[in-house]
Protein backbone atom coordinates (compact mmCIF):
# COMPACT_ATOMS: atom_id res chain seq x y z
CA TYR A 1 161.02 82.17 -122.31
CA PRO A 2 159.66 83.29 -126.40
CA ARG A 3 155.60 84.69 -126.29
CA GLY A 4 155.22 85.41 -130.27
CA ASP A 5 157.90 86.96 -132.06
CA HIS A 6 160.22 87.78 -128.95
CA ASN A 7 161.30 86.57 -125.93
CA VAL A 8 159.97 87.26 -122.60
CA TYR A 9 162.35 87.72 -119.40
CA VAL A 10 161.52 87.16 -115.92
CA HIS A 11 163.02 88.40 -112.49
CA TYR A 12 162.76 85.34 -109.84
CA ASP A 13 161.29 86.94 -106.68
CA GLY A 14 161.08 83.52 -104.58
CA ALA A 15 163.14 82.92 -101.46
CA GLY A 16 165.24 79.50 -102.32
CA GLY A 17 168.41 79.93 -102.39
CA VAL A 18 171.94 81.29 -101.02
CA PRO A 19 172.30 85.35 -101.62
CA LEU A 20 175.58 86.24 -103.58
CA GLY A 21 175.62 89.64 -101.23
CA SER A 22 179.46 89.45 -101.17
CA LEU A 23 182.42 88.99 -102.52
CA TRP A 24 183.40 86.63 -100.34
CA ARG A 25 180.42 84.73 -101.15
CA LYS A 26 181.00 84.74 -104.58
CA PHE A 27 184.58 83.37 -103.94
CA VAL A 28 182.84 80.69 -101.65
CA PHE A 29 180.53 79.54 -104.30
CA GLY A 30 183.26 79.95 -107.15
CA TRP A 31 185.76 77.84 -105.52
CA ARG A 32 182.57 75.14 -105.65
CA TYR A 33 181.34 75.31 -108.28
CA GLY A 34 182.06 77.66 -110.55
CA GLY A 35 185.49 78.65 -110.71
CA ALA A 36 186.95 81.69 -111.47
CA ARG A 37 184.03 82.68 -113.98
CA LEU A 38 181.67 83.26 -111.00
CA VAL A 39 184.37 85.49 -109.43
CA LEU A 40 185.23 87.37 -112.01
CA SER A 41 181.94 87.49 -114.05
CA GLY A 42 179.50 90.89 -113.94
CA TYR A 43 176.43 88.88 -113.77
CA PRO A 44 175.80 88.05 -110.51
CA THR A 45 174.40 91.13 -108.62
CA SER A 46 173.83 92.20 -104.88
CA GLU A 47 170.06 90.40 -105.35
CA SER A 48 171.24 86.83 -107.34
CA ARG A 49 170.62 83.70 -105.67
CA ILE A 50 172.12 80.53 -106.53
CA MET A 51 170.00 76.57 -106.60
CA PHE A 52 172.99 73.74 -105.87
CA ARG A 53 171.30 70.18 -105.53
CA ARG A 54 168.33 71.02 -107.32
CA ARG A 55 168.36 67.40 -107.87
CA VAL A 56 164.56 66.10 -106.35
CA ARG A 57 165.89 63.26 -104.97
CA GLU A 58 169.00 64.30 -104.34
CA ARG A 59 167.76 67.43 -102.37
CA VAL A 60 166.06 65.06 -100.29
CA GLN A 61 168.57 63.14 -99.57
CA ALA A 62 170.83 65.22 -98.30
CA LEU A 63 168.25 66.78 -95.50
CA ALA A 64 166.96 62.82 -94.59
CA PRO A 65 170.12 60.87 -95.40
CA PHE A 66 168.70 58.29 -92.77
CA LEU A 67 165.89 57.48 -94.94
CA GLU A 68 165.71 55.78 -98.32
CA PHE A 69 164.15 57.58 -101.13
CA ASP A 70 161.62 56.03 -104.21
CA GLU A 71 163.48 57.28 -107.28
CA ASP A 72 160.40 58.39 -109.16
CA PRO A 73 159.53 61.86 -107.49
CA TYR A 74 155.96 62.93 -109.16
CA ILE A 75 154.85 66.42 -109.82
CA VAL A 76 151.35 67.67 -109.15
CA LEU A 77 150.03 70.84 -109.26
CA SER A 78 147.99 72.52 -106.04
CA GLU A 79 146.38 75.80 -105.46
CA GLY A 80 148.49 77.63 -108.27
CA LYS A 81 151.71 76.05 -107.26
CA LEU A 82 154.23 73.32 -108.38
CA TYR A 83 154.99 70.98 -105.70
CA TRP A 84 157.22 67.20 -105.80
CA ILE A 85 155.98 64.85 -103.66
CA ILE A 86 158.88 61.57 -103.44
CA ASP A 87 158.44 58.65 -100.92
CA GLY A 88 160.83 58.41 -98.20
CA TYR A 89 161.11 55.17 -96.30
CA THR A 90 162.34 53.29 -93.55
CA THR A 91 164.45 50.30 -93.86
CA SER A 92 166.02 47.46 -91.71
CA SER A 93 167.45 44.32 -92.03
CA ARG A 94 167.02 42.98 -88.47
CA TYR A 95 163.90 42.74 -87.72
CA PRO A 96 162.66 39.72 -85.75
CA TYR A 97 161.38 36.46 -87.25
CA SER A 98 160.90 38.08 -91.11
CA GLU A 99 162.50 36.79 -94.53
CA PRO A 100 165.03 39.29 -96.07
CA PHE A 101 164.47 40.46 -99.22
CA ALA A 102 167.01 38.52 -100.81
CA GLU A 103 167.73 37.68 -105.24
CA GLU A 104 165.18 34.42 -104.18
CA SER A 105 162.69 36.98 -104.31
CA LEU A 106 163.37 38.36 -107.20
CA GLN A 107 161.75 35.38 -109.08
CA VAL A 108 164.29 35.04 -111.78
CA GLN A 109 161.88 32.36 -113.09
CA GLN A 110 161.96 30.77 -116.33
CA GLN A 111 158.54 31.49 -117.92
CA GLY A 112 157.44 30.94 -121.95
CA GLY A 113 160.73 31.83 -122.68
CA GLN A 114 161.65 34.58 -120.95
CA ARG A 115 163.44 35.58 -117.89
CA GLU A 116 162.42 38.80 -115.58
CA MET A 117 165.98 40.09 -115.41
CA GLU A 118 164.24 43.58 -114.87
CA THR A 119 162.45 43.61 -111.36
CA GLY A 120 161.98 47.71 -111.16
CA VAL A 121 162.76 46.68 -107.52
CA ALA A 122 165.30 49.10 -105.88
CA ASP A 123 168.80 48.19 -104.64
CA TYR A 124 168.45 49.71 -101.42
CA VAL A 125 165.15 46.87 -100.70
CA ARG A 126 167.97 44.16 -101.05
CA GLY A 127 168.70 42.37 -97.81
CA ALA A 128 165.56 44.42 -96.04
CA ASN A 129 163.22 42.33 -94.04
CA TYR A 130 161.31 45.43 -92.93
CA MET A 131 160.12 48.63 -95.42
CA ARG A 132 157.47 51.02 -94.45
CA ASN A 133 156.72 54.32 -96.00
CA ALA A 134 157.40 56.43 -93.36
CA VAL A 135 156.98 59.69 -95.14
CA LYS A 136 155.70 62.20 -97.47
CA ALA A 137 158.28 64.74 -98.90
CA VAL A 138 157.07 67.85 -100.43
CA VAL A 139 159.31 69.78 -102.87
CA ASP A 140 158.69 73.57 -103.43
CA ALA A 141 159.26 73.76 -107.01
CA TYR A 142 159.73 77.32 -107.43
CA ASN A 143 161.09 77.91 -103.68
CA GLY A 144 163.03 74.50 -103.46
CA SER A 145 161.50 74.23 -99.88
CA VAL A 146 161.04 70.39 -98.69
CA SER A 147 158.93 69.43 -95.58
CA PHE A 148 158.25 66.00 -94.32
CA TYR A 149 155.13 64.34 -93.23
CA ILE A 150 154.56 61.84 -91.66
CA PHE A 151 152.62 58.71 -93.26
CA ALA A 152 153.03 55.97 -90.75
CA PRO A 153 153.24 57.02 -86.91
CA GLU A 154 152.84 54.13 -85.84
CA ASP A 155 157.04 52.81 -87.28
CA PRO A 156 159.45 52.41 -84.43
CA ILE A 157 162.22 53.29 -86.52
CA ILE A 158 160.56 56.93 -87.95
CA GLN A 159 159.53 57.56 -84.20
CA VAL A 160 163.11 57.87 -82.79
CA TRP A 161 164.42 59.65 -85.95
CA ARG A 162 161.39 62.42 -85.03
CA ARG A 163 162.71 62.77 -80.84
CA ILE A 164 165.68 63.15 -82.58
CA PHE A 165 164.92 65.95 -85.36
CA PRO A 166 161.62 67.12 -83.68
CA ASP A 167 161.52 70.37 -86.09
CA LEU A 168 162.57 68.29 -89.51
CA PHE A 169 159.37 66.08 -89.28
CA GLN A 170 155.26 66.83 -89.57
CA SER A 171 152.34 64.84 -89.04
CA GLN A 172 150.31 63.54 -91.96
CA GLU A 173 147.05 65.99 -90.62
CA GLU A 174 149.39 68.92 -91.03
CA MET A 175 149.81 68.43 -94.42
CA PRO A 176 147.46 71.00 -96.66
CA GLU A 177 144.38 69.50 -97.71
CA ASP A 178 144.73 69.70 -101.22
CA LEU A 179 148.21 68.33 -101.01
CA ARG A 180 146.69 65.74 -99.09
CA ALA A 181 144.13 64.75 -102.48
CA HIS A 182 146.92 63.95 -105.05
CA ILE A 183 148.92 61.14 -102.31
CA ARG A 184 149.57 57.77 -103.98
CA TYR A 185 150.11 54.46 -102.51
CA PRO A 186 154.57 54.02 -104.32
CA GLU A 187 155.08 51.56 -107.08
CA GLY A 188 158.58 50.23 -105.48
CA LEU A 189 156.99 49.10 -102.43
CA LEU A 190 153.73 47.67 -104.13
CA LEU A 191 155.94 46.27 -106.27
CA VAL A 192 158.14 45.21 -102.90
CA GLN A 193 154.51 43.59 -101.55
CA GLY A 194 153.62 41.41 -103.88
CA LEU A 195 156.87 40.03 -104.71
CA VAL A 196 156.51 38.68 -101.29
CA TYR A 197 152.99 38.29 -101.67
CA ALA A 198 153.27 35.60 -104.54
CA LYS A 199 155.12 33.28 -101.74
CA TYR A 200 153.04 33.80 -98.84
CA HIS A 201 149.96 33.62 -100.03
CA MET A 202 150.43 29.59 -100.09
CA THR A 203 149.05 29.10 -96.09
CA ASP A 204 149.07 25.32 -95.77
CA PRO A 205 152.85 24.51 -94.94
CA GLU A 206 152.63 21.62 -97.55
CA VAL A 207 151.89 23.54 -100.24
CA PHE A 208 154.32 26.30 -99.16
CA TYR A 209 157.02 24.05 -99.27
CA ASN A 210 156.17 22.39 -102.53
CA GLN A 211 155.30 25.77 -104.06
CA GLU A 212 152.83 23.68 -105.76
CA ASP A 213 150.76 27.60 -105.99
CA LEU A 214 153.61 30.46 -106.37
CA TRP A 215 152.77 33.04 -108.53
CA ILE A 216 155.37 35.71 -110.27
CA ARG A 217 154.67 39.35 -112.63
CA ALA A 218 152.64 38.91 -115.67
CA THR A 219 154.13 39.77 -118.87
CA GLU A 220 153.26 41.68 -122.24
CA LYS A 221 154.89 42.62 -125.29
CA TYR A 222 155.64 46.33 -124.92
CA TYR A 223 157.65 47.91 -127.29
CA GLY A 224 158.60 43.97 -129.13
CA ASN A 225 159.58 42.81 -126.07
CA VAL A 226 158.07 40.57 -123.68
CA GLN A 227 159.24 41.69 -120.08
CA PRO A 228 156.68 42.27 -116.63
CA VAL A 229 154.36 43.85 -116.65
CA GLU A 230 154.95 46.76 -114.23
CA PRO A 231 152.10 48.43 -111.36
CA TYR A 232 149.77 50.37 -112.98
CA TYR A 233 147.35 53.12 -111.67
CA VAL A 234 143.37 53.01 -112.49
CA LEU A 235 139.83 54.29 -111.64
CA TRP A 236 138.05 51.31 -110.48
CA GLU A 237 134.58 51.70 -108.33
CA PRO A 238 135.07 48.56 -105.80
CA PRO A 239 131.85 46.51 -105.13
CA ASP A 240 131.27 47.64 -102.33
CA ALA A 241 131.88 51.19 -103.12
CA ASP A 242 129.65 54.30 -104.65
CA GLU A 243 132.62 56.09 -105.90
CA VAL A 244 135.94 55.94 -107.80
CA GLN A 245 138.60 55.18 -105.87
CA PHE A 246 142.48 55.52 -107.35
CA ILE A 247 144.01 52.97 -106.76
CA LEU A 248 147.49 50.61 -107.98
CA MET A 249 147.27 47.40 -109.07
CA GLN A 250 149.56 45.23 -110.11
CA PRO A 251 148.79 41.68 -111.92
CA PHE A 252 150.36 38.29 -111.10
CA THR A 253 149.99 34.90 -113.45
CA PRO A 254 150.85 30.87 -111.87
CA LYS A 255 154.54 29.74 -112.59
CA ASN A 256 154.59 28.42 -116.62
CA ARG A 257 151.47 28.93 -117.16
CA GLN A 258 149.49 32.83 -118.71
CA VAL A 259 146.20 32.93 -117.11
CA LEU A 260 146.16 35.66 -114.10
CA ILE A 261 146.02 33.93 -111.19
CA GLY A 262 145.10 37.46 -108.74
CA TRP A 263 146.21 40.83 -108.51
CA LEU A 264 146.94 43.29 -105.90
CA ALA A 265 145.84 46.96 -105.09
CA GLY A 266 147.28 49.34 -102.86
CA MET A 267 144.82 52.00 -102.58
CA CYS A 268 145.07 55.74 -103.49
CA ASP A 269 142.56 57.67 -102.05
CA PRO A 270 141.90 58.88 -97.71
CA PRO A 271 140.92 57.94 -96.10
CA ASN A 272 141.88 54.17 -97.76
CA TYR A 273 145.35 55.31 -98.20
CA GLY A 274 147.76 52.38 -97.59
CA ARG A 275 144.97 49.65 -98.11
CA LEU A 276 146.02 46.72 -99.51
CA LEU A 277 143.79 44.43 -101.15
CA ALA A 278 144.32 41.19 -102.86
CA TYR A 279 142.10 39.56 -105.34
CA ASN A 280 142.26 35.93 -106.15
CA PHE A 281 140.84 33.71 -108.78
CA PRO A 282 139.13 31.13 -109.09
CA LYS A 283 142.05 27.73 -109.91
CA GLU A 284 139.45 25.70 -111.81
CA LYS A 285 137.82 29.08 -113.87
CA ARG A 286 139.58 30.19 -117.30
CA VAL A 287 141.03 34.10 -117.10
CA LEU A 288 143.11 35.57 -119.80
CA GLY A 289 146.00 37.32 -118.68
CA THR A 290 147.57 39.60 -119.92
CA GLN A 291 150.04 37.90 -122.41
CA GLN A 292 146.94 35.66 -123.74
CA VAL A 293 145.46 39.45 -124.32
CA GLU A 294 148.85 40.35 -126.85
CA THR A 295 148.34 36.64 -128.47
CA LYS A 296 144.61 37.11 -129.10
CA ILE A 297 145.55 40.02 -130.49
CA ASP A 298 148.57 38.72 -133.03
CA GLN A 299 146.11 36.28 -133.81
CA ASP A 300 143.76 38.49 -135.58
CA ARG A 301 143.65 38.65 -139.35
CA TYR A 302 143.00 42.27 -139.83
CA LEU A 303 145.03 43.79 -136.92
CA SER A 304 148.23 41.09 -137.06
CA GLY A 305 148.14 41.60 -141.04
CA GLN A 306 148.00 45.72 -140.45
CA LEU A 307 150.98 46.14 -137.56
CA THR A 308 152.95 44.19 -139.77
CA LEU A 309 152.85 46.60 -143.07
CA TRP A 310 152.73 49.77 -140.16
CA ASP A 311 156.17 48.52 -138.62
CA GLN A 312 158.38 49.17 -141.91
CA ARG A 313 159.64 51.12 -144.23
CA GLY A 314 160.24 54.21 -141.97
CA SER A 315 158.03 53.71 -139.10
CA ARG A 316 157.92 51.24 -136.42
CA VAL A 317 154.83 49.83 -134.22
CA ILE A 318 154.59 50.62 -130.10
CA ARG A 319 153.11 47.93 -128.23
CA GLY A 320 151.75 50.04 -124.77
CA ASN A 321 151.22 48.76 -121.53
CA VAL A 322 147.84 46.20 -121.42
CA LEU A 323 145.94 47.19 -118.99
CA ALA A 324 143.05 44.39 -117.30
CA ILE A 325 140.73 46.90 -115.60
CA PRO A 326 137.99 45.55 -112.80
CA ILE A 327 134.74 45.77 -113.43
CA ASP A 328 131.92 44.50 -110.84
CA ASN A 329 133.05 40.48 -111.32
CA THR A 330 134.91 40.35 -114.62
CA LEU A 331 138.25 42.57 -115.82
CA LEU A 332 138.60 44.35 -119.26
CA TYR A 333 141.39 44.70 -121.22
CA VAL A 334 142.93 47.77 -122.64
CA GLU A 335 146.07 47.84 -124.83
CA PRO A 336 146.74 50.93 -126.53
CA ILE A 337 148.73 50.92 -129.96
CA TYR A 338 151.18 53.42 -131.24
CA LEU A 339 152.76 54.46 -134.74
CA GLU A 340 156.23 56.31 -134.53
CA ALA A 341 157.35 57.23 -137.60
CA GLU A 342 161.81 57.25 -137.84
CA ALA A 343 161.19 61.65 -138.52
CA ALA A 344 158.54 62.09 -136.21
CA ALA A 345 159.88 63.10 -132.96
CA TYR A 346 156.85 60.98 -130.84
CA PRO A 347 154.80 58.52 -131.38
CA GLU A 348 150.50 58.74 -132.72
CA LEU A 349 148.08 56.96 -131.10
CA ARG A 350 146.76 54.86 -134.17
CA LEU A 351 144.84 52.07 -132.77
CA VAL A 352 142.99 50.81 -129.17
CA ALA A 353 142.22 47.36 -128.53
CA VAL A 354 140.07 46.09 -125.94
CA MET A 355 138.72 42.75 -124.86
CA HIS A 356 136.19 41.20 -122.58
CA GLY A 357 135.96 37.61 -123.01
CA ASP A 358 137.17 36.38 -125.84
CA GLN A 359 135.70 39.01 -127.99
CA LEU A 360 138.14 41.18 -129.43
CA SER A 361 137.29 44.68 -130.53
CA TYR A 362 139.85 47.62 -132.04
CA ALA A 363 139.58 51.39 -133.33
CA GLU A 364 141.49 54.41 -133.66
CA SER A 365 139.54 55.79 -130.41
CA PHE A 366 138.86 53.94 -127.13
CA ASP A 367 135.08 54.78 -127.52
CA GLU A 368 134.52 53.40 -131.12
CA ALA A 369 136.33 50.12 -129.65
CA LEU A 370 133.79 49.43 -126.56
CA GLU A 371 130.97 50.54 -129.00
CA GLY A 372 132.55 47.71 -130.91
CA LEU A 373 132.65 45.56 -128.03
CA PHE A 374 129.99 46.43 -126.14
CA GLY A 375 127.74 48.13 -128.39
CA GLU A 376 125.10 47.90 -130.88
CA ARG A 377 127.47 47.63 -134.37
CA PRO A 378 127.77 43.36 -133.99
CA ALA A 379 132.45 42.38 -133.80
CA ARG A 380 133.55 41.14 -137.29
CA PRO A 381 132.96 36.78 -136.62
CA PRO A 382 136.01 35.08 -137.11
CA GLY A 383 136.98 34.12 -141.12
CA ALA A 384 135.23 37.46 -142.26
CA ALA A 385 136.86 39.20 -145.12
CA PRO A 386 138.91 42.10 -142.94
CA PRO A 387 137.20 45.82 -142.67
CA ALA A 388 137.93 47.57 -146.72
CA LEU A 389 141.17 49.72 -146.88
CA GLU A 390 141.52 52.92 -148.96
CA ALA A 391 142.85 51.94 -152.44
CA SER A 392 146.70 53.57 -151.71
CA GLU A 393 146.76 50.93 -148.82
CA LEU A 394 146.03 48.01 -150.97
CA ALA A 395 147.93 48.66 -153.94
CA GLN A 396 151.06 49.43 -151.79
CA ARG A 397 150.24 46.46 -149.60
CA ALA A 398 150.01 43.85 -152.79
CA ASN A 399 153.03 45.45 -154.29
CA GLU A 400 155.17 44.68 -150.97
CA ALA A 401 153.60 41.20 -151.10
CA PHE A 402 154.66 40.83 -155.05
CA GLU A 403 158.42 41.68 -153.97
CA ASN A 404 158.63 39.96 -150.89
CA TYR A 405 157.37 36.60 -153.52
CA LEU A 406 159.93 37.80 -155.69
CA ARG A 407 162.94 37.82 -153.24
CA LEU A 408 161.74 34.44 -151.35
CA LEU A 409 161.35 32.39 -154.32
CA GLY A 410 164.85 33.37 -154.98
CA GLU A 411 165.84 32.15 -152.27
CA HIS A 412 163.77 28.93 -152.44
CA ARG A 413 161.46 29.62 -150.17
CA PHE A 414 158.94 28.68 -151.37
CA GLN A 415 156.81 27.93 -148.18
CA HIS A 416 156.91 31.17 -147.76
CA ALA A 417 156.98 32.78 -151.37
CA ALA A 418 153.83 31.17 -151.15
CA ASP A 419 152.13 32.55 -147.89
CA GLU A 420 153.29 36.24 -150.03
CA LEU A 421 151.71 34.94 -152.54
CA GLU A 422 148.69 34.76 -151.18
CA LYS A 423 148.76 38.00 -149.55
CA LEU A 424 149.06 39.06 -152.63
CA GLY A 425 145.96 37.75 -154.08
CA ASP A 426 143.83 39.13 -151.58
CA ALA A 427 145.03 42.84 -152.19
CA LEU A 428 144.02 41.97 -155.30
CA GLN A 429 141.04 40.60 -154.56
CA GLN A 430 139.36 43.86 -152.32
CA LEU A 431 140.92 45.79 -155.47
CA THR A 432 138.21 44.42 -157.38
CA ARG A 433 135.14 43.88 -155.54
CA GLN A 434 136.27 48.05 -153.91
CA ALA A 435 136.46 49.07 -157.95
CA THR A 436 133.45 46.89 -159.19
CA ALA A 437 130.97 47.89 -155.89
CA PRO A 438 128.56 50.53 -155.82
CA ASP A 439 129.89 53.62 -154.09
CA ARG A 440 129.68 53.85 -150.89
CA PRO A 441 131.72 55.11 -147.42
CA ALA A 442 134.48 53.21 -146.26
CA PRO A 443 134.62 52.16 -142.88
CA PRO A 444 137.82 54.08 -141.18
CA THR A 445 140.62 51.76 -141.13
CA GLY A 446 140.72 49.58 -138.46
CA GLN A 447 138.13 49.52 -137.37
CA PRO A 448 136.29 45.78 -136.77
């Protein structure tokens, strides 16, 4: 790896892999992987090791093919070493008196002109009517050694496999405490549980039969497209606790409506790991949904104009995930907004929008946005003049509005041309006010 103006070379001294100490091993592994190049090459020595099945999911699946594994392993740092943690599931399609997770459970329903085609549910869940997060597999990122820890000892399926392979599994208590602090509730499991709960939370037979209170996943605008909200992790302090908890939550809306109706959360921190919380909102009270928050942002006069201005001429606006964060008996909505240039390798955070009730605030940072929402500085009232922009940005906006006006006029789209003419007038008026106003510091771009 590079350091300064030279390279640093490191020799692997771990115990992972298979030693290539003999010509026979070089021949066998060369036939399996590298052909004659490995056999004839002078690079492998008697101390060399060959490492294969290095993909985390492929590695654990080869060791325990009777389990289903999550598609999203995550890496953690514990006592100065890196480990991969991946969740393992026991599944069955023969659990008595239980409905299989079929295609209709995926809730491909009409919602605001969009269809929930991407569910995020793994293929092995379809057709199953029993699923338990029975195992946590830990993979040493340096040596490749794998340890399987049982987190559902009451699961009858994993009990059978443990009797068959007594040396393969360890109990939950045997996991090092520092590693145990990094476990989290799996997203795939909560998503499946949430889709089932969206239907079976109805306990009245008549309501259940008519599907009168069916829930679906809340939607949001992400990368310019409307899609279902994926489960997300937040730090949350429950009303009956004094410590902050790390939870995974999934919001829901009623079918054919965009208001929030409830959310399901899985607890991640010991000793409450695996505990599920379901919050049902009163039907008579309007609780903004994530898609409604997106609409409020789009309806803001200044913010919509600024996003339109950024989303052109070699750049692209990226709308991040809308987070509905529970605080006491209310919700705080947060959405980051990024700007990515065509020539740049990564997006840049430009604005953070926060919303509480019907109040919207946005700024260049989360702290400033919160200050505009709850601080002494009042939020800009509806219809008030937008914040002062840089003269160069106003000139660019005026130039673009004028070009659009001429183009639309030539296309005989007179109504749209009139809108561009109004934008041109607004930009010129702001430029005039800046030129005649006394010298004073201008607020940051995007700050209400």
